[in-house]
């Protein structure tokens, strides 16, 4: 499956995978309705970086979660 196209379904998959990889307990942060498809490229960049990392330190994990918060709709 390709996640290159900015669709609502792909956005949901990206966010689910990010949540799993980052160990996000509060999944409300990752509700796809709170993200704009216009920011899909930003989310895809974060996703690709997180998924390609073998292991994330706690500070890296927090930084990525903070970045997710900054990309959410206001």
PDB file of N, CA and C in Angstrom:
ATOM      1  N   UNK A   1       0.838  -1.183   0.000  1.00  0.00           N
ATOM      2  CA  UNK A   1       0.000   0.000   0.000  1.00  0.00           C
ATOM      3  C   UNK A   1       0.884   1.248   0.000  1.00  0.00           C
ATOM      4  N   UNK A   2       0.551   2.161  -0.850  1.00  0.00           N
ATOM      5  CA  UNK A   2       1.303   3.411  -0.952  1.00  0.00           C
ATOM      6  C   UNK A   2       0.612   4.495  -0.133  1.00  0.00           C
ATOM      7  N   UNK A   3       1.399   5.190   0.644  1.00  0.00           N
ATOM      8  CA  UNK A   3       0.870   6.293   1.451  1.00  0.00           C
ATOM      9  C   UNK A   3       1.246   7.643   0.852  1.00  0.00           C
ATOM     10  N   UNK A   4       1.587   7.654  -0.417  1.00  0.00           N
ATOM     11  CA  UNK A   4       2.044   8.888  -1.052  1.00  0.00           C
ATOM     12  C   UNK A   4       0.917   9.875  -1.346  1.00  0.00           C
ATOM     13  N   UNK A   5      -0.298   9.384  -1.521  1.00  0.00           N
ATOM     14  CA  UNK A   5      -1.415  10.257  -1.862  1.00  0.00           C
ATOM     15  C   UNK A   5      -2.090  10.795  -0.603  1.00  0.00           C
ATOM     16  N   UNK A   6      -2.355  12.094  -0.550  1.00  0.00           N
ATOM     17  CA  UNK A   6      -2.998  12.687   0.628  1.00  0.00           C
ATOM     18  C   UNK A   6      -4.505  12.434   0.651  1.00  0.00           C
ATOM     19  N   UNK A   7      -4.876  11.256   1.160  1.00  0.00           N
ATOM     20  CA  UNK A   7      -6.291  10.931   1.321  1.00  0.00           C
ATOM     21  C   UNK A   7      -6.599  10.795   2.799  1.00  0.00           C
ATOM     22  N   UNK A   8      -7.863  10.872   3.148  1.00  0.00           N
ATOM     23  CA  UNK A   8      -8.271  10.734   4.546  1.00  0.00           C
ATOM     24  C   UNK A   8      -7.902   9.348   5.073  1.00  0.00           C
ATOM     25  N   UNK A   9      -8.055   8.338   4.252  1.00  0.00           N
ATOM     26  CA  UNK A   9      -7.703   6.976   4.661  1.00  0.00           C
ATOM     27  C   UNK A   9      -6.197   6.847   4.922  1.00  0.00           C
ATOM     28  N   UNK A  10      -5.383   7.416   4.043  1.00  0.00           N
ATOM     29  CA  UNK A  10      -3.931   7.379   4.240  1.00  0.00           C
ATOM     30  C   UNK A  10      -3.522   8.170   5.475  1.00  0.00           C
ATOM     31  N   UNK A  11      -4.194   9.274   5.717  1.00  0.00           N
ATOM     32  CA  UNK A  11      -3.924  10.073   6.900  1.00  0.00           C
ATOM     33  C   UNK A  11      -4.188   9.253   8.163  1.00  0.00           C
ATOM     34  N   UNK A  12      -5.293   8.533   8.164  1.00  0.00           N
ATOM     35  CA  UNK A  12      -5.629   7.687   9.308  1.00  0.00           C
ATOM     36  C   UNK A  12      -4.557   6.621   9.522  1.00  0.00           C
ATOM     37  N   UNK A  13      -4.106   5.995   8.461  1.00  0.00           N
ATOM     38  CA  UNK A  13      -3.071   4.962   8.551  1.00  0.00           C
ATOM     39  C   UNK A  13      -1.767   5.554   9.079  1.00  0.00           C
ATOM     40  N   UNK A  14      -1.368   6.704   8.537  1.00  0.00           N
ATOM     41  CA  UNK A  14      -0.144   7.369   9.017  1.00  0.00           C
ATOM     42  C   UNK A  14      -0.203   7.624  10.515  1.00  0.00           C
ATOM     43  N   UNK A  15      -1.314   8.166  10.960  1.00  0.00           N
ATOM     44  CA  UNK A  15      -1.454   8.518  12.365  1.00  0.00           C
ATOM     45  C   UNK A  15      -1.489   7.282  13.259  1.00  0.00           C
ATOM     46  N   UNK A  16      -2.151   6.218  12.806  1.00  0.00           N
ATOM     47  CA  UNK A  16      -2.173   4.973  13.581  1.00  0.00           C
ATOM     48  C   UNK A  16      -0.768   4.395  13.713  1.00  0.00           C
ATOM     49  N   UNK A  17      -0.030   4.384  12.611  1.00  0.00           N
ATOM     50  CA  UNK A  17       1.327   3.847  12.646  1.00  0.00           C
ATOM     51  C   UNK A  17       2.235   4.705  13.515  1.00  0.00           C
ATOM     52  N   UNK A  18       2.095   6.008  13.431  1.00  0.00           N
ATOM     53  CA  UNK A  18       2.870   6.897  14.294  1.00  0.00           C
ATOM     54  C   UNK A  18       2.537   6.647  15.765  1.00  0.00           C
ATOM     55  N   UNK A  19       1.268   6.517  16.062  1.00  0.00           N
ATOM     56  CA  UNK A  19       0.856   6.263  17.438  1.00  0.00           C
ATOM     57  C   UNK A  19       1.434   4.971  17.978  1.00  0.00           C
ATOM     58  N   UNK A  20       1.412   3.927  17.154  1.00  0.00           N
ATOM     59  CA  UNK A  20       1.974   2.646  17.565  1.00  0.00           C
ATOM     60  C   UNK A  20       3.474   2.758  17.805  1.00  0.00           C
ATOM     61  N   UNK A  21       4.165   3.368  16.880  1.00  0.00           N
ATOM     62  CA  UNK A  21       5.632   3.458  16.953  1.00  0.00           C
ATOM     63  C   UNK A  21       6.094   4.359  18.091  1.00  0.00           C
ATOM     64  N   UNK A  22       5.339   5.425  18.346  1.00  0.00           N
ATOM     65  CA  UNK A  22       5.708   6.367  19.395  1.00  0.00           C
ATOM     66  C   UNK A  22       5.158   5.958  20.760  1.00  0.00           C
ATOM     67  N   UNK A  23       4.312   4.938  20.782  1.00  0.00           N
ATOM     68  CA  UNK A  23       3.742   4.486  22.043  1.00  0.00           C
ATOM     69  C   UNK A  23       2.790   5.485  22.657  1.00  0.00           C
ATOM     70  N   UNK A  24       2.012   6.157  21.820  1.00  0.00           N
ATOM     71  CA  UNK A  24       1.066   7.174  22.305  1.00  0.00           C
ATOM     72  C   UNK A  24      -0.115   6.474  22.975  1.00  0.00           C
ATOM     73  N   UNK A  25      -0.302   6.748  24.257  1.00  0.00           N
ATOM     74  CA  UNK A  25      -1.399   6.143  25.007  1.00  0.00           C
ATOM     75  C   UNK A  25      -2.709   6.886  24.754  1.00  0.00           C
ATOM     76  N   UNK A  26      -2.649   8.199  24.667  1.00  0.00           N
ATOM     77  CA  UNK A  26      -3.835   9.024  24.455  1.00  0.00           C
ATOM     78  C   UNK A  26      -4.062   9.191  22.955  1.00  0.00           C
ATOM     79  N   UNK A  27      -4.835   8.299  22.381  1.00  0.00           N
ATOM     80  CA  UNK A  27      -5.041   8.293  20.929  1.00  0.00           C
ATOM     81  C   UNK A  27      -5.918   9.441  20.442  1.00  0.00           C
ATOM     82  N   UNK A  28      -6.490  10.209  21.339  1.00  0.00           N
ATOM     83  CA  UNK A  28      -7.267  11.381  20.938  1.00  0.00           C
ATOM     84  C   UNK A  28      -6.373  12.356  20.173  1.00  0.00           C
ATOM     85  N   UNK A  29      -5.107  12.412  20.541  1.00  0.00           N
ATOM     86  CA  UNK A  29      -4.128  13.256  19.844  1.00  0.00           C
ATOM     87  C   UNK A  29      -4.025  12.878  18.371  1.00  0.00           C
ATOM     88  N   UNK A  30      -4.372  11.642  18.034  1.00  0.00           N
ATOM     89  CA  UNK A  30      -4.161  11.132  16.685  1.00  0.00           C
ATOM     90  C   UNK A  30      -5.453  10.932  15.897  1.00  0.00           C
ATOM     91  N   UNK A  31      -6.500  11.635  16.263  1.00  0.00           N
ATOM     92  CA  UNK A  31      -7.755  11.562  15.517  1.00  0.00           C
ATOM     93  C   UNK A  31      -7.573  12.283  14.188  1.00  0.00           C
ATOM     94  N   UNK A  32      -7.755  11.548  13.106  1.00  0.00           N
ATOM     95  CA  UNK A  32      -7.488  12.121  11.780  1.00  0.00           C
ATOM     96  C   UNK A  32      -8.361  13.331  11.464  1.00  0.00           C
ATOM     97  N   UNK A  33      -9.479  13.473  12.131  1.00  0.00           N
ATOM     98  CA  UNK A  33     -10.353  14.636  11.906  1.00  0.00           C
ATOM     99  C   UNK A  33      -9.713  15.931  12.402  1.00  0.00           C
ATOM    100  N   UNK A  34      -8.704  15.793  13.260  1.00  0.00           N
ATOM    101  CA  UNK A  34      -8.031  16.971  13.807  1.00  0.00           C
ATOM    102  C   UNK A  34      -6.839  17.424  12.968  1.00  0.00           C
ATOM    103  N   UNK A  35      -6.649  16.789  11.835  1.00  0.00           N
ATOM    104  CA  UNK A  35      -5.524  17.122  10.958  1.00  0.00           C
ATOM    105  C   UNK A  35      -6.042  17.515   9.589  1.00  0.00           C
ATOM    106  N   UNK A  36      -5.405  18.479   8.999  1.00  0.00           N
ATOM    107  CA  UNK A  36      -5.777  18.999   7.689  1.00  0.00           C
ATOM    108  C   UNK A  36      -4.972  18.275   6.608  1.00  0.00           C
ATOM    109  N   UNK A  37      -5.646  17.835   5.567  1.00  0.00           N
ATOM    110  CA  UNK A  37      -4.941  17.165   4.466  1.00  0.00           C
ATOM    111  C   UNK A  37      -3.913  18.073   3.806  1.00  0.00           C
ATOM    112  N   UNK A  38      -4.065  19.383   3.969  1.00  0.00           N
ATOM    113  CA  UNK A  38      -3.066  20.306   3.419  1.00  0.00           C
ATOM    114  C   UNK A  38      -1.720  20.157   4.119  1.00  0.00           C
ATOM    115  N   UNK A  39      -1.704  19.565   5.297  1.00  0.00           N
ATOM    116  CA  UNK A  39      -0.460  19.336   6.050  1.00  0.00           C
ATOM    117  C   UNK A  39       0.024  17.887   5.908  1.00  0.00           C
ATOM    118  N   UNK A  40      -0.561  17.165   4.968  1.00  0.00           N
ATOM    119  CA  UNK A  40      -0.233  15.742   4.791  1.00  0.00           C
ATOM    120  C   UNK A  40       1.257  15.533   4.547  1.00  0.00           C
ATOM    121  N   UNK A  41       1.868  16.384   3.750  1.00  0.00           N
ATOM    122  CA  UNK A  41       3.304  16.226   3.455  1.00  0.00           C
ATOM    123  C   UNK A  41       4.150  16.334   4.726  1.00  0.00           C
ATOM    124  N   UNK A  42       3.759  17.230   5.623  1.00  0.00           N
ATOM    125  CA  UNK A  42       4.472  17.360   6.895  1.00  0.00           C
ATOM    126  C   UNK A  42       4.338  16.078   7.726  1.00  0.00           C
ATOM    127  N   UNK A  43       3.123  15.560   7.778  1.00  0.00           N
ATOM    128  CA  UNK A  43       2.887  14.330   8.524  1.00  0.00           C
ATOM    129  C   UNK A  43       3.602  13.136   7.890  1.00  0.00           C
ATOM    130  N   UNK A  44       3.616  13.102   6.578  1.00  0.00           N
ATOM    131  CA  UNK A  44       4.297  12.006   5.875  1.00  0.00           C
ATOM    132  C   UNK A  44       5.787  12.061   6.149  1.00  0.00           C
ATOM    133  N   UNK A  45       6.359  13.251   6.194  1.00  0.00           N
ATOM    134  CA  UNK A  45       7.774  13.409   6.500  1.00  0.00           C
ATOM    135  C   UNK A  45       8.068  12.877   7.907  1.00  0.00           C
ATOM    136  N   UNK A  46       7.240  13.270   8.880  1.00  0.00           N
ATOM    137  CA  UNK A  46       7.405  12.774  10.251  1.00  0.00           C
ATOM    138  C   UNK A  46       7.278  11.252  10.295  1.00  0.00           C
ATOM    139  N   UNK A  47       6.259  10.752   9.622  1.00  0.00           N
ATOM    140  CA  UNK A  47       6.012   9.306   9.582  1.00  0.00           C
ATOM    141  C   UNK A  47       7.219   8.567   9.022  1.00  0.00           C
ATOM    142  N   UNK A  48       7.716   9.019   7.897  1.00  0.00           N
ATOM    143  CA  UNK A  48       8.847   8.336   7.258  1.00  0.00           C
ATOM    144  C   UNK A  48      10.077   8.342   8.152  1.00  0.00           C
ATOM    145  N   UNK A  49      10.308   9.456   8.815  1.00  0.00           N
ATOM    146  CA  UNK A  49      11.473   9.552   9.693  1.00  0.00           C
ATOM    147  C   UNK A  49      11.329   8.620  10.902  1.00  0.00           C
ATOM    148  N   UNK A  50      10.171   8.653  11.529  1.00  0.00           N
ATOM    149  CA  UNK A  50       9.937   7.810  12.708  1.00  0.00           C
ATOM    150  C   UNK A  50      10.011   6.333  12.338  1.00  0.00           C
ATOM    151  N   UNK A  51       9.394   5.966  11.239  1.00  0.00           N
ATOM    152  CA  UNK A  51       9.347   4.558  10.854  1.00  0.00           C
ATOM    153  C   UNK A  51      10.710   4.038  10.409  1.00  0.00           C
ATOM    154  N   UNK A  52      11.571   4.907   9.932  1.00  0.00           N
ATOM    155  CA  UNK A  52      12.886   4.457   9.469  1.00  0.00           C
ATOM    156  C   UNK A  52      13.911   4.387  10.604  1.00  0.00           C
ATOM    157  N   UNK A  53      13.585   4.948  11.752  1.00  0.00           N
ATOM    158  CA  UNK A  53      14.498   4.925  12.895  1.00  0.00           C
ATOM    159  C   UNK A  53      14.407   3.573  13.595  1.00  0.00           C
ATOM    160  N   UNK A  54      15.566   3.002  13.884  1.00  0.00           N
ATOM    161  CA  UNK A  54      15.581   1.719  14.581  1.00  0.00           C
ATOM    162  C   UNK A  54      15.033   1.837  15.998  1.00  0.00           C
ATOM    163  N   UNK A  55      15.496   2.845  16.695  1.00  0.00           N
ATOM    164  CA  UNK A  55      15.080   3.044  18.076  1.00  0.00           C
ATOM    165  C   UNK A  55      15.057   4.538  18.354  1.00  0.00           C
ATOM    166  N   UNK A  56      14.012   4.976  19.031  1.00  0.00           N
ATOM    167  CA  UNK A  56      13.881   6.386  19.383  1.00  0.00           C
ATOM    168  C   UNK A  56      14.134   6.559  20.869  1.00  0.00           C
ATOM    169  N   UNK A  57      14.887   7.582  21.206  1.00  0.00           N
ATOM    170  CA  UNK A  57      15.110   7.905  22.615  1.00  0.00           C
ATOM    171  C   UNK A  57      13.837   8.547  23.168  1.00  0.00           C
ATOM    172  N   UNK A  58      13.691   8.580  24.470  1.00  0.00           N
ATOM    173  CA  UNK A  58      12.521   9.259  25.049  1.00  0.00           C
ATOM    174  C   UNK A  58      12.417  10.727  24.622  1.00  0.00           C
ATOM    175  N   UNK A  59      13.539  11.418  24.528  1.00  0.00           N
ATOM    176  CA  UNK A  59      13.481  12.828  24.116  1.00  0.00           C
ATOM    177  C   UNK A  59      13.062  12.955  22.647  1.00  0.00           C
ATOM    178  N   UNK A  60      13.498  12.029  21.803  1.00  0.00           N
ATOM    179  CA  UNK A  60      13.063  12.049  20.398  1.00  0.00           C
ATOM    180  C   UNK A  60      11.568  11.774  20.310  1.00  0.00           C
ATOM    181  N   UNK A  61      11.102  10.822  21.083  1.00  0.00           N
ATOM    182  CA  UNK A  61       9.675  10.490  21.092  1.00  0.00           C
ATOM    183  C   UNK A  61       8.851  11.704  21.497  1.00  0.00           C
ATOM    184  N   UNK A  62       9.260  12.384  22.553  1.00  0.00           N
ATOM    185  CA  UNK A  62       8.543  13.588  22.993  1.00  0.00           C
ATOM    186  C   UNK A  62       8.592  14.681  21.926  1.00  0.00           C
ATOM    187  N   UNK A  63       9.721  14.816  21.266  1.00  0.00           N
ATOM    188  CA  UNK A  63       9.846  15.835  20.215  1.00  0.00           C
ATOM    189  C   UNK A  63       8.888  15.543  19.061  1.00  0.00           C
ATOM    190  N   UNK A  64       8.780  14.284  18.669  1.00  0.00           N
ATOM    191  CA  UNK A  64       7.857  13.934  17.585  1.00  0.00           C
ATOM    192  C   UNK A  64       6.406  14.153  18.003  1.00  0.00           C
ATOM    193  N   UNK A  65       6.081  13.829  19.230  1.00  0.00           N
ATOM    194  CA  UNK A  65       4.715  14.061  19.713  1.00  0.00           C
ATOM    195  C   UNK A  65       4.411  15.562  19.748  1.00  0.00           C
ATOM    196  N   UNK A  66       5.366  16.356  20.176  1.00  0.00           N
ATOM    197  CA  UNK A  66       5.186  17.810  20.156  1.00  0.00           C
ATOM    198  C   UNK A  66       4.989  18.316  18.732  1.00  0.00           C
ATOM    199  N   UNK A  67       5.722  17.746  17.809  1.00  0.00           N
ATOM    200  CA  UNK A  67       5.590  18.142  16.402  1.00  0.00           C
ATOM    201  C   UNK A  67       4.204  17.772  15.877  1.00  0.00           C
ATOM    202  N   UNK A  68       3.705  16.614  16.261  1.00  0.00           N
ATOM    203  CA  UNK A  68       2.343  16.230  15.878  1.00  0.00           C
ATOM    204  C   UNK A  68       1.318  17.243  16.402  1.00  0.00           C
ATOM    205  N   UNK A  69       1.512  17.682  17.629  1.00  0.00           N
ATOM    206  CA  UNK A  69       0.609  18.688  18.210  1.00  0.00           C
ATOM    207  C   UNK A  69       0.642  19.985  17.398  1.00  0.00           C
ATOM    208  N   UNK A  70       1.824  20.342  16.908  1.00  0.00           N
ATOM    209  CA  UNK A  70       1.938  21.591  16.166  1.00  0.00           C
ATOM    210  C   UNK A  70       1.305  21.522  14.787  1.00  0.00           C
ATOM    211  N   UNK A  71       1.146  20.324  14.260  1.00  0.00           N
ATOM    212  CA  UNK A  71       0.561  20.145  12.930  1.00  0.00           C
ATOM    213  C   UNK A  71      -0.963  20.034  12.997  1.00  0.00           C
ATOM    214  N   UNK A  72      -1.496  19.758  14.164  1.00  0.00           N
ATOM    215  CA  UNK A  72      -2.958  19.625  14.318  1.00  0.00           C
ATOM    216  C   UNK A  72      -3.654  20.939  13.994  1.00  0.00           C
ATOM    217  N   UNK A  73      -4.908  20.826  13.611  1.00  0.00           N
ATOM    218  CA  UNK A  73      -5.732  22.018  13.395  1.00  0.00           C
ATOM    219  C   UNK A  73      -5.846  22.768  14.703  1.00  0.00           C
ATOM    220  N   UNK A  74      -5.886  24.052  14.614  1.00  0.00           N
ATOM    221  CA  UNK A  74      -6.017  24.896  15.829  1.00  0.00           C
ATOM    222  C   UNK A  74      -7.455  25.054  16.203  1.00  0.00           C
TER     223      UNK A  74
END
